[in-house]
Amino acid sequence: MVDVIVEVPYIVVDEEELKRRIESRRVRDTTKERYRKLLAQFKENFRKYDNGFVVFTENYLRKVHNKVKEKALTVNKIPYDEFLG
């Protein structure tokens, strides 16, 4: 039996490609800002190894754990935007 469904976001980005797009003159400032936020979220919450494998950081797992403890008794689903929003 499932008590709570937790949608944990797992993003994988090409950091070099995002950096290139941020530096590009052809990309709008609003789009650059979205890329900057995505890159910051990725660096804060995930670690990418040289072989391309991506894992959660300890800090991210703590955020997920704390959110589940906070919400588990009051909801039956915790959507992904609660973690990276």
N, C-alpha and C. Protein backbone atom coordinates (compact mmCIF):
# COMPACT_ATOMS: atom_id res chain seq x y z
N MET A 1 0.83 -1.18 0.00
CA MET A 1 0.00 0.00 0.00
C MET A 1 0.89 1.25 0.00
N VAL A 2 0.51 2.24 -0.79
CA VAL A 2 1.27 3.47 -0.90
C VAL A 2 0.57 4.55 -0.08
N ASP A 3 1.33 5.20 0.80
CA ASP A 3 0.77 6.27 1.61
C ASP A 3 0.91 7.63 0.92
N VAL A 4 2.08 7.87 0.33
CA VAL A 4 2.37 9.15 -0.31
C VAL A 4 3.15 8.89 -1.60
N ILE A 5 2.76 9.56 -2.66
CA ILE A 5 3.51 9.51 -3.91
C ILE A 5 4.39 10.75 -3.95
N VAL A 6 5.67 10.55 -4.17
CA VAL A 6 6.62 11.66 -4.21
C VAL A 6 7.23 11.71 -5.61
N GLU A 7 7.00 12.82 -6.30
CA GLU A 7 7.58 13.02 -7.63
C GLU A 7 8.90 13.78 -7.46
N VAL A 8 10.00 13.07 -7.53
CA VAL A 8 11.31 13.68 -7.32
C VAL A 8 11.92 14.03 -8.66
N PRO A 9 12.13 15.32 -8.93
CA PRO A 9 12.72 15.73 -10.20
C PRO A 9 14.16 15.24 -10.33
N TYR A 10 14.48 14.80 -11.51
CA TYR A 10 15.83 14.34 -11.84
C TYR A 10 16.15 14.93 -13.20
N ILE A 11 17.00 15.95 -13.21
CA ILE A 11 17.30 16.61 -14.47
C ILE A 11 18.73 16.29 -14.91
N VAL A 12 18.90 16.17 -16.19
CA VAL A 12 20.22 15.96 -16.77
C VAL A 12 20.38 17.01 -17.87
N VAL A 13 21.42 17.82 -17.73
CA VAL A 13 21.64 18.87 -18.72
C VAL A 13 23.06 18.78 -19.26
N ASP A 14 23.25 19.34 -20.42
CA ASP A 14 24.57 19.48 -21.00
C ASP A 14 25.09 20.85 -20.57
N GLU A 15 25.90 20.85 -19.53
CA GLU A 15 26.37 22.11 -18.95
C GLU A 15 27.08 22.99 -19.96
N GLU A 16 27.93 22.39 -20.78
CA GLU A 16 28.68 23.18 -21.76
C GLU A 16 27.74 23.82 -22.78
N GLU A 17 26.72 23.09 -23.19
CA GLU A 17 25.75 23.63 -24.15
C GLU A 17 24.97 24.79 -23.53
N LEU A 18 24.56 24.65 -22.28
CA LEU A 18 23.85 25.75 -21.61
C LEU A 18 24.75 26.98 -21.48
N LYS A 19 25.99 26.77 -21.11
CA LYS A 19 26.93 27.89 -21.00
C LYS A 19 27.11 28.58 -22.35
N ARG A 20 27.20 27.79 -23.41
CA ARG A 20 27.35 28.35 -24.76
C ARG A 20 26.13 29.19 -25.12
N ARG A 21 24.95 28.68 -24.82
CA ARG A 21 23.73 29.42 -25.12
C ARG A 21 23.61 30.69 -24.29
N ILE A 22 24.05 30.65 -23.05
CA ILE A 22 24.02 31.83 -22.20
C ILE A 22 24.91 32.93 -22.77
N GLU A 23 26.02 32.53 -23.35
CA GLU A 23 26.96 33.50 -23.92
C GLU A 23 26.58 33.96 -25.33
N SER A 24 25.67 33.26 -25.97
CA SER A 24 25.30 33.57 -27.35
C SER A 24 24.56 34.90 -27.46
N ARG A 25 24.89 35.66 -28.47
CA ARG A 25 24.21 36.93 -28.74
C ARG A 25 22.85 36.70 -29.40
N ARG A 26 22.63 35.51 -29.91
CA ARG A 26 21.39 35.20 -30.63
C ARG A 26 20.26 34.77 -29.69
N VAL A 27 20.58 34.55 -28.42
CA VAL A 27 19.58 34.07 -27.46
C VAL A 27 19.04 35.26 -26.67
N ARG A 28 17.71 35.31 -26.52
CA ARG A 28 17.07 36.41 -25.78
C ARG A 28 17.50 36.41 -24.32
N ASP A 29 17.46 37.58 -23.71
CA ASP A 29 17.84 37.71 -22.31
C ASP A 29 16.93 36.89 -21.40
N THR A 30 15.64 36.85 -21.69
CA THR A 30 14.72 36.07 -20.86
C THR A 30 15.04 34.58 -20.94
N THR A 31 15.43 34.12 -22.12
CA THR A 31 15.80 32.72 -22.29
C THR A 31 17.13 32.44 -21.58
N LYS A 32 18.06 33.38 -21.66
CA LYS A 32 19.34 33.23 -20.97
C LYS A 32 19.11 33.08 -19.47
N GLU A 33 18.18 33.86 -18.94
CA GLU A 33 17.89 33.80 -17.51
C GLU A 33 17.34 32.43 -17.13
N ARG A 34 16.47 31.86 -17.97
CA ARG A 34 15.97 30.50 -17.72
C ARG A 34 17.11 29.49 -17.72
N TYR A 35 18.03 29.64 -18.67
CA TYR A 35 19.19 28.75 -18.74
C TYR A 35 20.07 28.89 -17.50
N ARG A 36 20.25 30.12 -17.04
CA ARG A 36 21.06 30.35 -15.83
C ARG A 36 20.42 29.67 -14.62
N LYS A 37 19.11 29.80 -14.49
CA LYS A 37 18.40 29.17 -13.36
C LYS A 37 18.50 27.65 -13.44
N LEU A 38 18.32 27.11 -14.62
CA LEU A 38 18.41 25.67 -14.80
C LEU A 38 19.81 25.16 -14.45
N LEU A 39 20.82 25.88 -14.91
CA LEU A 39 22.20 25.50 -14.63
C LEU A 39 22.48 25.58 -13.12
N ALA A 40 21.99 26.64 -12.48
CA ALA A 40 22.18 26.79 -11.03
C ALA A 40 21.49 25.67 -10.26
N GLN A 41 20.26 25.33 -10.66
CA GLN A 41 19.55 24.23 -10.01
C GLN A 41 20.28 22.91 -10.19
N PHE A 42 20.78 22.70 -11.39
CA PHE A 42 21.51 21.47 -11.66
C PHE A 42 22.75 21.38 -10.78
N LYS A 43 23.54 22.45 -10.74
CA LYS A 43 24.78 22.44 -9.96
C LYS A 43 24.51 22.29 -8.46
N GLU A 44 23.41 22.86 -8.00
CA GLU A 44 23.08 22.80 -6.57
C GLU A 44 22.58 21.42 -6.16
N ASN A 45 21.87 20.75 -7.02
CA ASN A 45 21.15 19.53 -6.63
C ASN A 45 21.68 18.22 -7.19
N PHE A 46 22.56 18.29 -8.19
CA PHE A 46 23.03 17.07 -8.84
C PHE A 46 24.54 17.13 -9.05
N ARG A 47 25.13 15.97 -9.15
CA ARG A 47 26.56 15.89 -9.47
C ARG A 47 26.71 15.03 -10.71
N LYS A 48 27.45 15.54 -11.67
CA LYS A 48 27.69 14.81 -12.91
C LYS A 48 29.13 14.34 -12.94
N TYR A 49 29.29 13.04 -13.10
CA TYR A 49 30.63 12.45 -13.17
C TYR A 49 31.18 12.55 -14.59
N ASP A 50 32.47 12.35 -14.71
CA ASP A 50 33.14 12.44 -16.01
C ASP A 50 32.55 11.48 -17.04
N ASN A 51 32.01 10.35 -16.58
CA ASN A 51 31.43 9.38 -17.50
C ASN A 51 29.99 9.73 -17.88
N GLY A 52 29.48 10.88 -17.37
CA GLY A 52 28.14 11.33 -17.70
C GLY A 52 27.07 10.90 -16.71
N PHE A 53 27.42 10.05 -15.76
CA PHE A 53 26.46 9.58 -14.76
C PHE A 53 26.10 10.73 -13.83
N VAL A 54 24.80 10.89 -13.55
CA VAL A 54 24.31 11.99 -12.71
C VAL A 54 23.66 11.41 -11.46
N VAL A 55 24.01 11.97 -10.29
CA VAL A 55 23.44 11.54 -9.02
C VAL A 55 22.96 12.75 -8.23
N PHE A 56 22.08 12.49 -7.26
CA PHE A 56 21.61 13.54 -6.37
C PHE A 56 22.72 13.95 -5.41
N THR A 57 22.75 15.25 -5.03
CA THR A 57 23.67 15.67 -3.97
C THR A 57 23.03 15.35 -2.62
N GLU A 58 23.85 15.30 -1.60
CA GLU A 58 23.33 15.04 -0.26
C GLU A 58 22.35 16.14 0.17
N ASN A 59 22.65 17.37 -0.20
CA ASN A 59 21.77 18.49 0.12
C ASN A 59 20.39 18.31 -0.50
N TYR A 60 20.33 17.86 -1.74
CA TYR A 60 19.06 17.64 -2.43
C TYR A 60 18.26 16.54 -1.74
N LEU A 61 18.94 15.47 -1.37
CA LEU A 61 18.25 14.38 -0.68
C LEU A 61 17.69 14.85 0.66
N ARG A 62 18.41 15.73 1.34
CA ARG A 62 17.90 16.30 2.59
C ARG A 62 16.64 17.11 2.34
N LYS A 63 16.64 17.91 1.27
CA LYS A 63 15.45 18.70 0.93
C LYS A 63 14.25 17.79 0.67
N VAL A 64 14.48 16.73 -0.08
CA VAL A 64 13.40 15.79 -0.38
C VAL A 64 12.90 15.14 0.91
N HIS A 65 13.83 14.67 1.74
CA HIS A 65 13.46 14.02 2.99
C HIS A 65 12.66 14.96 3.89
N ASN A 66 13.12 16.19 4.02
CA ASN A 66 12.42 17.16 4.87
C ASN A 66 11.03 17.48 4.33
N LYS A 67 10.91 17.61 3.03
CA LYS A 67 9.61 17.90 2.42
C LYS A 67 8.64 16.75 2.64
N VAL A 68 9.13 15.53 2.53
CA VAL A 68 8.28 14.36 2.75
C VAL A 68 7.82 14.33 4.21
N LYS A 69 8.74 14.57 5.13
CA LYS A 69 8.36 14.60 6.55
C LYS A 69 7.33 15.69 6.83
N GLU A 70 7.50 16.83 6.20
CA GLU A 70 6.61 17.97 6.40
C GLU A 70 5.21 17.71 5.85
N LYS A 71 5.13 17.09 4.68
CA LYS A 71 3.86 16.98 3.96
C LYS A 71 3.18 15.62 4.07
N ALA A 72 3.89 14.60 4.45
CA ALA A 72 3.37 13.24 4.34
C ALA A 72 2.07 13.00 5.08
N LEU A 73 1.85 13.68 6.16
CA LEU A 73 0.63 13.46 6.93
C LEU A 73 -0.56 14.26 6.42
N THR A 74 -0.32 15.20 5.53
CA THR A 74 -1.41 16.08 5.09
C THR A 74 -1.80 15.91 3.62
N VAL A 75 -0.97 15.26 2.83
CA VAL A 75 -1.27 15.08 1.40
C VAL A 75 -0.98 13.64 1.00
N ASN A 76 -1.50 13.24 -0.15
CA ASN A 76 -1.18 11.90 -0.65
C ASN A 76 -0.26 11.94 -1.85
N LYS A 77 0.11 13.17 -2.28
CA LYS A 77 1.04 13.32 -3.40
C LYS A 77 1.84 14.61 -3.22
N ILE A 78 3.15 14.51 -3.43
CA ILE A 78 4.02 15.68 -3.38
C ILE A 78 4.58 15.86 -4.79
N PRO A 79 4.12 16.90 -5.52
CA PRO A 79 4.54 17.09 -6.91
C PRO A 79 5.98 17.59 -7.03
N TYR A 80 6.55 17.35 -8.19
CA TYR A 80 7.96 17.69 -8.42
C TYR A 80 8.29 19.16 -8.21
N ASP A 81 7.34 20.07 -8.48
CA ASP A 81 7.66 21.49 -8.36
C ASP A 81 7.86 21.93 -6.91
N GLU A 82 7.56 21.08 -5.96
CA GLU A 82 7.82 21.37 -4.55
C GLU A 82 9.32 21.33 -4.24
N PHE A 83 10.08 20.68 -5.09
CA PHE A 83 11.50 20.49 -4.82
C PHE A 83 12.41 21.44 -5.59
N LEU A 84 12.09 21.72 -6.83
CA LEU A 84 12.96 22.58 -7.64
C LEU A 84 12.32 23.93 -7.96
N GLY A 85 11.11 24.13 -7.55
CA GLY A 85 10.38 25.35 -7.89
C GLY A 85 10.91 26.60 -7.25
